[in-house]
N, C-alpha and C. Protein backbone atom coordinates (compact mmCIF):
# COMPACT_ATOMS: atom_id res chain seq x y z
N UNK A 1 12.06 95.45 -196.37
CA UNK A 1 12.32 94.88 -197.67
C UNK A 1 12.61 93.40 -197.51
N UNK A 2 12.06 92.60 -198.37
CA UNK A 2 12.33 91.17 -198.37
C UNK A 2 13.18 90.86 -199.58
N UNK A 3 14.27 90.14 -199.36
CA UNK A 3 15.16 89.78 -200.46
C UNK A 3 15.09 88.28 -200.73
N UNK A 4 14.52 87.92 -201.86
CA UNK A 4 14.47 86.52 -202.24
C UNK A 4 15.68 86.23 -203.14
N UNK A 5 16.84 86.09 -202.49
CA UNK A 5 18.10 85.95 -203.20
C UNK A 5 18.26 84.62 -203.94
N UNK A 6 17.50 83.62 -203.58
CA UNK A 6 17.67 82.32 -204.22
C UNK A 6 17.33 82.37 -205.71
N UNK A 7 16.50 83.30 -206.13
CA UNK A 7 16.18 83.45 -207.55
C UNK A 7 17.44 83.78 -208.36
N UNK A 8 18.43 84.35 -207.70
CA UNK A 8 19.65 84.77 -208.39
C UNK A 8 20.80 83.79 -208.21
N UNK A 9 20.57 82.72 -207.47
CA UNK A 9 21.58 81.67 -207.33
C UNK A 9 21.76 80.99 -208.69
N UNK A 10 22.99 80.79 -209.14
CA UNK A 10 23.21 80.20 -210.47
C UNK A 10 22.51 78.86 -210.68
N UNK A 11 22.49 78.00 -209.69
CA UNK A 11 21.86 76.69 -209.85
C UNK A 11 20.35 76.82 -209.99
N UNK A 12 19.72 77.68 -209.18
CA UNK A 12 18.28 77.89 -209.29
C UNK A 12 17.92 78.54 -210.62
N UNK A 13 18.71 79.55 -211.01
CA UNK A 13 18.44 80.24 -212.28
C UNK A 13 18.59 79.29 -213.47
N UNK A 14 19.58 78.41 -213.42
CA UNK A 14 19.77 77.44 -214.51
C UNK A 14 18.59 76.47 -214.58
N UNK A 15 18.12 76.01 -213.44
CA UNK A 15 16.97 75.10 -213.43
C UNK A 15 15.73 75.81 -213.98
N UNK A 16 15.50 77.04 -213.55
CA UNK A 16 14.35 77.81 -214.03
C UNK A 16 14.42 77.96 -215.55
N UNK A 17 15.59 78.26 -216.09
CA UNK A 17 15.75 78.41 -217.54
C UNK A 17 15.43 77.10 -218.26
N UNK A 18 15.86 75.98 -217.69
CA UNK A 18 15.58 74.67 -218.30
C UNK A 18 14.08 74.35 -218.25
N UNK A 19 13.42 74.69 -217.15
CA UNK A 19 11.98 74.47 -217.04
C UNK A 19 11.27 75.32 -218.10
N UNK A 20 11.62 76.60 -218.19
CA UNK A 20 10.97 77.49 -219.15
C UNK A 20 11.23 77.07 -220.59
N UNK A 21 12.40 76.50 -220.86
CA UNK A 21 12.75 76.07 -222.22
C UNK A 21 12.08 74.74 -222.59
N UNK A 22 11.43 74.11 -221.61
CA UNK A 22 10.77 72.83 -221.88
C UNK A 22 11.72 71.65 -221.89
N UNK A 23 12.96 71.83 -221.44
CA UNK A 23 13.95 70.74 -221.42
C UNK A 23 13.59 69.64 -220.44
N UNK A 24 12.87 69.99 -219.42
CA UNK A 24 12.57 69.04 -218.35
C UNK A 24 11.18 68.43 -218.54
N UNK A 25 10.37 69.04 -219.36
CA UNK A 25 9.00 68.60 -219.51
C UNK A 25 8.09 69.36 -218.56
N UNK A 26 6.86 68.92 -218.46
CA UNK A 26 5.91 69.56 -217.56
C UNK A 26 6.17 69.06 -216.14
N UNK A 27 6.64 69.93 -215.25
CA UNK A 27 6.96 69.48 -213.89
C UNK A 27 5.74 68.89 -213.18
N UNK A 28 5.97 67.74 -212.55
CA UNK A 28 4.92 67.08 -211.77
C UNK A 28 5.15 67.24 -210.28
N UNK A 29 6.43 67.26 -209.87
CA UNK A 29 6.74 67.41 -208.46
C UNK A 29 8.05 68.15 -208.30
N UNK A 30 8.06 69.10 -207.38
CA UNK A 30 9.27 69.82 -207.00
C UNK A 30 9.54 69.50 -205.54
N UNK A 31 10.72 69.02 -205.24
CA UNK A 31 11.10 68.72 -203.86
C UNK A 31 12.22 69.67 -203.47
N UNK A 32 11.98 70.44 -202.43
CA UNK A 32 12.95 71.43 -201.96
C UNK A 32 13.44 71.00 -200.58
N UNK A 33 14.75 70.92 -200.43
CA UNK A 33 15.38 70.58 -199.15
C UNK A 33 16.17 71.80 -198.69
N UNK A 34 15.93 72.23 -197.48
CA UNK A 34 16.58 73.42 -196.95
C UNK A 34 17.14 73.11 -195.57
N UNK A 35 18.43 73.33 -195.39
CA UNK A 35 19.09 73.00 -194.12
C UNK A 35 19.96 74.15 -193.64
N UNK A 36 19.92 74.41 -192.37
CA UNK A 36 20.88 75.29 -191.70
C UNK A 36 21.76 74.40 -190.84
N UNK A 37 23.01 74.80 -190.59
CA UNK A 37 23.91 73.96 -189.80
C UNK A 37 23.54 73.90 -188.33
N UNK A 38 22.90 74.94 -187.84
CA UNK A 38 22.53 74.96 -186.42
C UNK A 38 21.57 76.10 -186.16
N UNK A 39 20.90 76.01 -185.05
CA UNK A 39 19.90 77.03 -184.71
C UNK A 39 20.57 78.33 -184.31
N UNK A 40 19.90 79.44 -184.58
CA UNK A 40 20.39 80.72 -184.08
C UNK A 40 20.19 80.78 -182.57
N UNK A 41 20.76 81.78 -181.93
CA UNK A 41 20.57 81.90 -180.47
C UNK A 41 19.09 82.00 -180.10
N UNK A 42 18.74 81.50 -178.94
CA UNK A 42 17.36 81.51 -178.47
C UNK A 42 16.82 82.93 -178.42
N UNK A 43 17.65 83.91 -178.06
CA UNK A 43 17.19 85.30 -178.03
C UNK A 43 16.72 85.76 -179.40
N UNK A 44 17.37 85.33 -180.46
CA UNK A 44 16.93 85.66 -181.81
C UNK A 44 15.59 84.99 -182.09
N UNK A 45 15.48 83.72 -181.75
CA UNK A 45 14.26 82.96 -182.01
C UNK A 45 13.05 83.61 -181.34
N UNK A 46 13.24 84.13 -180.13
CA UNK A 46 12.14 84.75 -179.40
C UNK A 46 11.52 85.90 -180.16
N UNK A 47 12.31 86.59 -181.00
CA UNK A 47 11.83 87.78 -181.69
C UNK A 47 11.77 87.61 -183.21
N UNK A 48 12.12 86.45 -183.67
CA UNK A 48 12.09 86.21 -185.12
C UNK A 48 10.68 85.85 -185.57
N UNK A 49 10.54 85.58 -186.83
CA UNK A 49 9.24 85.17 -187.35
C UNK A 49 9.03 83.68 -187.28
N UNK A 50 9.94 82.96 -186.66
CA UNK A 50 9.84 81.51 -186.62
C UNK A 50 10.39 80.91 -187.91
N UNK A 51 10.43 79.61 -187.96
CA UNK A 51 11.06 78.93 -189.09
C UNK A 51 10.35 79.22 -190.42
N UNK A 52 9.04 79.50 -190.38
CA UNK A 52 8.33 79.81 -191.62
C UNK A 52 8.81 81.14 -192.21
N UNK A 53 8.94 82.16 -191.39
CA UNK A 53 9.38 83.46 -191.89
C UNK A 53 10.90 83.55 -192.00
N UNK A 54 11.62 82.82 -191.19
CA UNK A 54 13.09 82.87 -191.23
C UNK A 54 13.66 82.08 -192.40
N UNK A 55 13.11 80.92 -192.68
CA UNK A 55 13.68 80.01 -193.68
C UNK A 55 12.71 79.65 -194.79
N UNK A 56 11.54 79.14 -194.42
CA UNK A 56 10.63 78.59 -195.42
C UNK A 56 10.06 79.61 -196.39
N UNK A 57 10.05 80.88 -196.01
CA UNK A 57 9.54 81.90 -196.91
C UNK A 57 10.32 81.90 -198.23
N UNK A 58 11.63 81.61 -198.15
CA UNK A 58 12.45 81.55 -199.36
C UNK A 58 12.07 80.35 -200.22
N UNK A 59 11.76 79.25 -199.58
CA UNK A 59 11.35 78.04 -200.31
C UNK A 59 9.96 78.22 -200.93
N UNK A 60 9.06 78.89 -200.22
CA UNK A 60 7.75 79.18 -200.78
C UNK A 60 7.89 80.04 -202.03
N UNK A 61 8.80 81.03 -201.94
CA UNK A 61 9.04 81.88 -203.11
C UNK A 61 9.61 81.07 -204.28
N UNK A 62 10.53 80.17 -203.99
CA UNK A 62 11.15 79.38 -205.06
C UNK A 62 10.13 78.50 -205.76
N UNK A 63 9.26 77.82 -205.02
CA UNK A 63 8.31 76.95 -205.72
C UNK A 63 7.34 77.76 -206.57
N UNK A 64 6.91 78.93 -206.10
CA UNK A 64 6.01 79.77 -206.89
C UNK A 64 6.71 80.28 -208.14
N UNK A 65 7.96 80.69 -207.98
CA UNK A 65 8.75 81.22 -209.10
C UNK A 65 9.13 80.12 -210.08
N UNK A 66 9.62 79.02 -209.55
CA UNK A 66 10.11 77.92 -210.39
C UNK A 66 8.99 77.31 -211.24
N UNK A 67 7.82 77.12 -210.63
CA UNK A 67 6.72 76.47 -211.32
C UNK A 67 5.69 77.46 -211.86
N UNK A 68 5.90 78.74 -211.61
CA UNK A 68 4.99 79.79 -212.07
C UNK A 68 3.55 79.44 -211.70
N UNK A 69 3.34 79.19 -210.40
CA UNK A 69 2.03 78.77 -209.93
C UNK A 69 1.85 79.18 -208.47
N UNK A 70 0.65 79.05 -208.00
CA UNK A 70 0.31 79.35 -206.61
C UNK A 70 -0.12 78.07 -205.90
N UNK A 71 -0.08 78.10 -204.59
CA UNK A 71 -0.50 76.96 -203.80
C UNK A 71 -2.01 76.87 -203.76
N UNK A 72 -2.52 75.65 -203.90
CA UNK A 72 -3.94 75.41 -203.73
C UNK A 72 -4.25 75.01 -202.31
N UNK A 73 -3.44 74.10 -201.76
CA UNK A 73 -3.61 73.67 -200.38
C UNK A 73 -2.23 73.51 -199.75
N UNK A 74 -2.21 73.52 -198.45
CA UNK A 74 -0.97 73.39 -197.69
C UNK A 74 -1.21 72.46 -196.52
N UNK A 75 -0.31 71.51 -196.35
CA UNK A 75 -0.32 70.64 -195.18
C UNK A 75 1.05 70.80 -194.53
N UNK A 76 1.08 71.08 -193.25
CA UNK A 76 2.35 71.27 -192.57
C UNK A 76 2.36 70.49 -191.27
N UNK A 77 3.51 69.96 -190.93
CA UNK A 77 3.68 69.29 -189.66
C UNK A 77 5.04 69.67 -189.11
N UNK A 78 5.17 69.69 -187.84
CA UNK A 78 6.44 70.05 -187.23
C UNK A 78 6.73 69.20 -186.02
N UNK A 79 7.99 69.08 -185.74
CA UNK A 79 8.42 68.39 -184.53
C UNK A 79 9.77 68.94 -184.12
N UNK A 80 10.13 68.67 -182.91
CA UNK A 80 11.43 69.10 -182.42
C UNK A 80 12.07 67.93 -181.70
N UNK A 81 13.17 67.46 -182.26
CA UNK A 81 13.84 66.30 -181.68
C UNK A 81 15.12 66.68 -180.95
N UNK A 82 15.44 67.98 -180.91
CA UNK A 82 16.75 68.30 -180.35
C UNK A 82 16.77 69.40 -179.32
N UNK A 83 15.73 70.18 -179.15
CA UNK A 83 15.67 71.12 -178.04
C UNK A 83 14.24 71.58 -177.85
N UNK A 84 13.82 71.70 -176.64
CA UNK A 84 12.46 72.13 -176.35
C UNK A 84 12.26 73.59 -176.73
N UNK A 85 13.34 74.36 -176.84
CA UNK A 85 13.23 75.79 -177.14
C UNK A 85 12.84 76.07 -178.58
N UNK A 86 13.15 75.15 -179.46
CA UNK A 86 12.86 75.35 -180.88
C UNK A 86 11.95 74.24 -181.35
N UNK A 87 10.69 74.43 -181.24
CA UNK A 87 9.72 73.38 -181.52
C UNK A 87 9.31 73.34 -182.98
N UNK A 88 10.22 73.62 -183.88
CA UNK A 88 9.83 73.64 -185.28
C UNK A 88 10.86 72.91 -186.15
N UNK A 89 10.47 71.80 -186.63
CA UNK A 89 11.15 71.11 -187.72
C UNK A 89 10.01 70.78 -188.66
N UNK A 90 10.00 71.34 -189.83
CA UNK A 90 8.77 71.38 -190.62
C UNK A 90 8.91 70.63 -191.93
N UNK A 91 7.87 69.94 -192.29
CA UNK A 91 7.72 69.38 -193.62
C UNK A 91 6.45 69.98 -194.17
N UNK A 92 6.54 70.66 -195.27
CA UNK A 92 5.38 71.30 -195.88
C UNK A 92 5.12 70.67 -197.23
N UNK A 93 3.89 70.37 -197.51
CA UNK A 93 3.52 69.82 -198.80
C UNK A 93 2.44 70.72 -199.37
N UNK A 94 2.67 71.23 -200.54
CA UNK A 94 1.70 72.12 -201.17
C UNK A 94 1.22 71.50 -202.47
N UNK A 95 -0.05 71.52 -202.69
CA UNK A 95 -0.61 71.11 -203.98
C UNK A 95 -0.87 72.40 -204.74
N UNK A 96 -0.29 72.52 -205.89
CA UNK A 96 -0.41 73.74 -206.65
C UNK A 96 -1.74 73.79 -207.38
N UNK A 97 -2.14 74.98 -207.78
CA UNK A 97 -3.48 75.21 -208.28
C UNK A 97 -3.60 75.12 -209.80
N UNK A 98 -2.57 74.71 -210.47
CA UNK A 98 -2.55 74.71 -211.93
C UNK A 98 -3.80 74.08 -212.54
N UNK A 99 -4.41 74.77 -213.44
CA UNK A 99 -5.60 74.37 -214.21
C UNK A 99 -6.52 73.41 -213.46
N UNK A 100 -6.66 72.20 -213.95
CA UNK A 100 -7.54 71.21 -213.31
C UNK A 100 -6.83 70.58 -212.12
N UNK A 101 -7.57 70.23 -211.06
CA UNK A 101 -6.95 69.63 -209.87
C UNK A 101 -6.13 68.39 -210.19
N UNK A 102 -6.53 67.61 -211.15
CA UNK A 102 -5.79 66.40 -211.49
C UNK A 102 -4.46 66.69 -212.17
N UNK A 103 -4.34 67.90 -212.74
CA UNK A 103 -3.12 68.26 -213.46
C UNK A 103 -2.16 69.06 -212.59
N UNK A 104 -2.52 69.33 -211.36
CA UNK A 104 -1.70 70.17 -210.50
C UNK A 104 -0.39 69.50 -210.14
N UNK A 105 0.67 70.29 -210.16
CA UNK A 105 1.97 69.80 -209.71
C UNK A 105 1.97 69.77 -208.18
N UNK A 106 2.85 68.98 -207.64
CA UNK A 106 3.03 68.91 -206.19
C UNK A 106 4.39 69.50 -205.84
N UNK A 107 4.46 70.09 -204.67
CA UNK A 107 5.73 70.58 -204.16
C UNK A 107 5.86 70.13 -202.71
N UNK A 108 6.98 69.54 -202.39
CA UNK A 108 7.27 69.14 -201.02
C UNK A 108 8.48 69.93 -200.57
N UNK A 109 8.35 70.57 -199.42
CA UNK A 109 9.45 71.35 -198.86
C UNK A 109 9.76 70.78 -197.49
N UNK A 110 11.01 70.44 -197.25
CA UNK A 110 11.39 69.99 -195.91
C UNK A 110 12.58 70.80 -195.45
N UNK A 111 12.57 71.15 -194.20
CA UNK A 111 13.62 72.02 -193.68
C UNK A 111 13.90 71.69 -192.22
N UNK A 112 15.08 72.06 -191.79
CA UNK A 112 15.46 71.93 -190.39
C UNK A 112 16.53 72.96 -190.08
N UNK A 113 16.60 73.36 -188.85
CA UNK A 113 17.63 74.30 -188.41
C UNK A 113 18.91 73.58 -187.97
N UNK A 114 18.92 72.26 -188.07
CA UNK A 114 20.11 71.55 -187.61
C UNK A 114 20.47 70.44 -188.59
N UNK A 115 21.57 70.65 -189.29
CA UNK A 115 22.10 69.63 -190.19
C UNK A 115 23.56 69.43 -189.82
N UNK A 116 23.90 68.21 -189.45
CA UNK A 116 25.25 67.91 -189.00
C UNK A 116 26.30 68.23 -190.05
N UNK A 117 25.93 68.12 -191.32
CA UNK A 117 26.90 68.36 -192.41
C UNK A 117 27.01 69.83 -192.79
N UNK A 118 26.16 70.71 -192.24
CA UNK A 118 26.25 72.13 -192.52
C UNK A 118 25.15 72.65 -193.40
N UNK A 119 25.32 73.88 -193.87
CA UNK A 119 24.31 74.58 -194.68
C UNK A 119 24.10 73.84 -196.00
N UNK A 120 22.84 73.71 -196.38
CA UNK A 120 22.49 73.04 -197.64
C UNK A 120 21.77 74.03 -198.54
């Protein structure tokens, strides 16, 4: 079972309600920032789904839910500046498929497993 709990977070739900009510206008860009305070143990990483399945899957769900759209294209890049064991620090940019290509909204998702200030 996959639990996309962010849909039930009060802040996300309030934003979704405002988007649906037309209070914000037609969204052109959604920027999602996702941070964990530190990496899980290496033993977990060896058997996990990697940062895409561990963390970014929730952000992918949020952009689809928030904008009621699907991705048209995806560009992803990763780097690791803090340990050779975890070679994933990812910035994902998705162009959504809404109607005509010129009218498509953009979504940028950036995430890391290490944020000095803690969970975001």
